[in-house]
Amino acid sequence: MVEPQERRKKLLSLLQQSSAPRTGAELAAYFKVSRQVIVQDIAILRAAGEEIFSTPQGYLLITAPKTNWVQEIIACKHTREQIEDELGLIIDLGGRVLDVIVEHPVYGQLQGSLMIAGRRDLNIFLEKINETGANPLSFLTGGSHLHTVEAPSRQVIDEILKQLQKKGFLDN
């Protein structure tokens, strides 16, 4: 059995080498521990300053940002049934949806990591919502929410905004 400190070091190395998110179950099987042990290890690594994100697809270590990509926070509003249309539009135009943010009247800003960069990511996210029956964060605010979107150029961001406006998804 690997000592906890050594396991965390190897866990961090696995995440650094991975270009795709790794699930807690996958990591637990790799280290022959429970998923809860992995959750605790991730919490300890985060407390030590590692930027590990939990996404619907699994854990992802954020390394140096792509400096040539443009980011914008976009205010959106739509129904639960329109989630796939909204997110699909963004990724089909070449954007990535990094997160969802809502402003809660009691708790303030609540943020959930999405890291949706393609149809596969979107399908996994939608499956998790359907499987769990969980409400999206925007449910707390009547459909109003923010997304941090990144794209390879300002022109792509502008086209995303144009198409979101056209579909009625922008919360003006």
Protein backbone atom coordinates (compact mmCIF):
# COMPACT_ATOMS: atom_id res chain seq x y z
CA MET A 1 0.00 0.00 0.00
CA VAL A 2 1.32 3.42 -1.00
CA GLU A 3 1.70 6.06 1.71
CA PRO A 4 -0.81 8.96 1.41
CA GLN A 5 1.88 11.56 0.64
CA GLU A 6 3.39 9.37 -2.10
CA ARG A 7 -0.09 8.66 -3.52
CA ARG A 8 -0.87 12.38 -3.70
CA LYS A 9 2.44 13.02 -5.46
CA LYS A 10 1.62 10.30 -8.02
CA LEU A 11 -1.98 11.57 -8.33
CA LEU A 12 -0.70 15.05 -9.13
CA SER A 13 1.72 13.61 -11.68
CA LEU A 14 -1.12 11.66 -13.36
CA LEU A 15 -3.22 14.81 -13.62
CA GLN A 16 -0.26 16.80 -14.98
CA GLN A 17 0.29 14.21 -17.72
CA SER A 18 -3.37 13.91 -18.63
CA SER A 19 -4.88 16.07 -21.37
CA ALA A 20 -8.41 14.94 -20.44
CA PRO A 21 -10.25 14.88 -17.11
CA ARG A 22 -9.81 11.75 -14.95
CA THR A 23 -12.78 10.46 -12.98
CA GLY A 24 -12.64 9.80 -9.26
CA ALA A 25 -13.61 6.16 -9.88
CA GLU A 26 -10.80 5.75 -12.42
CA LEU A 27 -8.24 7.26 -10.04
CA ALA A 28 -9.54 5.18 -7.12
CA ALA A 29 -9.17 1.97 -9.16
CA TYR A 30 -5.66 2.99 -10.25
CA PHE A 31 -4.53 3.54 -6.64
CA LYS A 32 -6.67 0.71 -5.21
CA VAL A 33 -8.41 3.04 -2.75
CA SER A 34 -11.96 4.30 -2.35
CA ARG A 35 -13.30 7.24 -4.33
CA GLN A 36 -13.64 9.11 -1.02
CA VAL A 37 -9.88 8.79 -0.47
CA ILE A 38 -9.33 10.41 -3.88
CA VAL A 39 -11.76 13.22 -2.97
CA GLN A 40 -9.76 13.83 0.23
CA ASP A 41 -6.46 13.73 -1.66
CA ILE A 42 -7.77 16.28 -4.16
CA ALA A 43 -8.88 18.55 -1.29
CA ILE A 44 -5.41 18.34 0.29
CA LEU A 45 -3.70 19.08 -3.04
CA ARG A 46 -6.00 22.08 -3.56
CA ALA A 47 -5.21 23.35 -0.07
CA ALA A 48 -1.53 23.15 -1.05
CA GLY A 49 -2.24 25.48 -3.97
CA GLU A 50 -2.78 23.07 -6.87
CA GLU A 51 -5.44 24.27 -9.31
CA ILE A 52 -7.44 21.07 -9.68
CA PHE A 53 -10.95 21.50 -11.03
CA SER A 54 -13.85 19.13 -10.62
CA THR A 55 -15.80 18.92 -13.85
CA PRO A 56 -18.71 16.70 -14.86
CA GLN A 57 -16.11 14.63 -16.76
CA GLY A 58 -13.69 14.29 -13.82
CA TYR A 59 -10.70 16.05 -12.29
CA LEU A 60 -8.55 18.34 -14.37
CA LEU A 61 -5.34 20.13 -13.45
CA ILE A 62 -5.23 23.61 -14.90
CA THR A 63 -1.80 24.49 -16.21
CA ALA A 64 -0.62 27.71 -17.81
CA PRO A 65 -3.49 29.37 -19.69
CA LYS A 66 -3.51 29.56 -23.47
CA THR A 67 -2.42 33.17 -23.79
CA ASN A 68 -3.67 33.48 -27.36
CA TRP A 69 -7.27 32.60 -26.44
CA VAL A 70 -9.81 35.29 -25.55
CA GLN A 71 -12.15 35.00 -22.56
CA GLU A 72 -15.45 36.72 -21.96
CA ILE A 73 -18.10 36.44 -19.27
CA ILE A 74 -21.49 36.21 -20.96
CA ALA A 75 -24.84 36.78 -19.22
CA CYS A 76 -27.43 34.25 -20.39
CA LYS A 77 -30.99 33.29 -19.56
CA HIS A 78 -32.98 30.30 -20.73
CA THR A 79 -35.02 27.33 -19.57
CA ARG A 80 -33.69 23.97 -18.46
CA GLU A 81 -34.85 22.50 -21.77
CA GLN A 82 -32.64 24.98 -23.67
CA ILE A 83 -29.35 24.07 -21.94
CA GLU A 84 -28.22 21.81 -24.78
CA ASP A 85 -29.06 24.44 -27.41
CA GLU A 86 -27.18 27.19 -25.57
CA LEU A 87 -24.04 25.21 -24.75
CA GLY A 88 -24.08 23.45 -28.13
CA LEU A 89 -24.18 26.77 -29.94
CA ILE A 90 -21.11 28.00 -28.07
CA ILE A 91 -19.00 24.90 -28.68
CA ASP A 92 -20.15 24.46 -32.29
CA LEU A 93 -18.88 27.97 -33.03
CA GLY A 94 -15.46 27.10 -31.57
CA GLY A 95 -15.83 28.27 -27.99
CA ARG A 96 -15.29 26.49 -24.70
CA VAL A 97 -17.60 26.94 -21.72
CA LEU A 98 -15.40 27.03 -18.63
CA ASP A 99 -18.01 27.56 -15.93
CA VAL A 100 -21.45 28.68 -14.87
CA ILE A 101 -21.94 31.43 -12.28
CA VAL A 102 -25.10 32.59 -10.52
CA GLU A 103 -25.67 35.40 -8.05
CA HIS A 104 -27.58 33.92 -5.10
CA PRO A 105 -29.42 36.37 -2.81
CA VAL A 106 -28.12 34.67 0.36
CA TYR A 107 -24.82 33.01 -0.57
CA GLY A 108 -23.56 35.52 -3.12
CA GLN A 109 -21.73 34.25 -6.18
CA LEU A 110 -21.91 30.50 -6.75
CA GLN A 111 -19.71 29.00 -9.45
CA GLY A 112 -19.61 25.56 -10.99
CA SER A 113 -16.83 24.31 -13.25
CA LEU A 114 -18.07 22.97 -16.60
CA MET A 115 -15.03 22.74 -18.91
CA ILE A 116 -17.18 21.91 -21.95
CA ALA A 117 -15.05 22.01 -25.09
CA GLY A 118 -16.89 19.64 -27.40
CA ARG A 119 -19.98 17.54 -27.99
CA ARG A 120 -18.62 14.65 -25.94
CA ASP A 121 -18.18 16.92 -22.91
CA LEU A 122 -21.66 18.35 -23.46
CA ASN A 123 -23.23 14.88 -23.68
CA ILE A 124 -21.52 13.77 -20.45
CA PHE A 125 -22.76 16.92 -18.70
CA LEU A 126 -26.33 16.42 -19.92
CA GLU A 127 -26.28 12.74 -18.95
CA LYS A 128 -25.18 13.66 -15.41
CA ILE A 129 -28.02 16.17 -15.09
CA ASN A 130 -30.52 13.59 -16.32
CA GLU A 131 -29.13 10.67 -14.29
CA THR A 132 -29.01 12.59 -11.02
CA GLY A 133 -32.13 14.68 -11.49
CA ALA A 134 -30.09 17.60 -10.14
CA ASN A 135 -31.15 21.10 -11.05
CA PRO A 136 -28.63 23.29 -12.87
CA LEU A 137 -27.34 26.31 -10.92
CA SER A 138 -29.41 28.62 -13.13
CA PHE A 139 -32.51 27.02 -11.58
CA LEU A 140 -31.73 29.09 -8.45
CA THR A 141 -32.02 32.35 -10.38
CA GLY A 142 -34.93 31.72 -12.73
CA GLY A 143 -32.62 30.81 -15.61
CA SER A 144 -30.27 33.81 -15.34
CA HIS A 145 -26.59 32.91 -15.19
CA LEU A 146 -23.12 33.78 -16.43
CA HIS A 147 -20.68 31.66 -18.41
CA THR A 148 -16.97 32.24 -18.77
CA VAL A 149 -16.38 31.41 -22.42
CA GLU A 150 -13.03 31.21 -24.14
CA ALA A 151 -12.34 31.14 -27.86
CA PRO A 152 -9.33 31.34 -30.15
CA SER A 153 -10.14 34.91 -31.26
CA ARG A 154 -12.25 37.99 -30.60
CA GLN A 155 -14.11 37.28 -33.85
CA VAL A 156 -15.25 33.88 -32.52
CA ILE A 157 -16.47 35.49 -29.28
CA ASP A 158 -18.35 38.12 -31.30
CA GLU A 159 -20.01 35.43 -33.44
CA ILE A 160 -20.99 33.49 -30.30
CA LEU A 161 -22.57 36.64 -28.84
CA LYS A 162 -24.36 37.36 -32.12
CA GLN A 163 -25.83 33.85 -32.31
CA LEU A 164 -26.78 33.77 -28.61
CA GLN A 165 -28.59 37.09 -29.14
CA LYS A 166 -30.32 35.73 -32.24
CA LYS A 167 -31.57 32.69 -30.27
CA GLY A 168 -32.73 34.89 -27.38
CA PHE A 169 -30.26 33.43 -24.86
CA LEU A 170 -28.55 36.67 -23.82
CA ASP A 171 -29.72 38.16 -20.52
CA ASN A 172 -29.61 41.88 -21.28
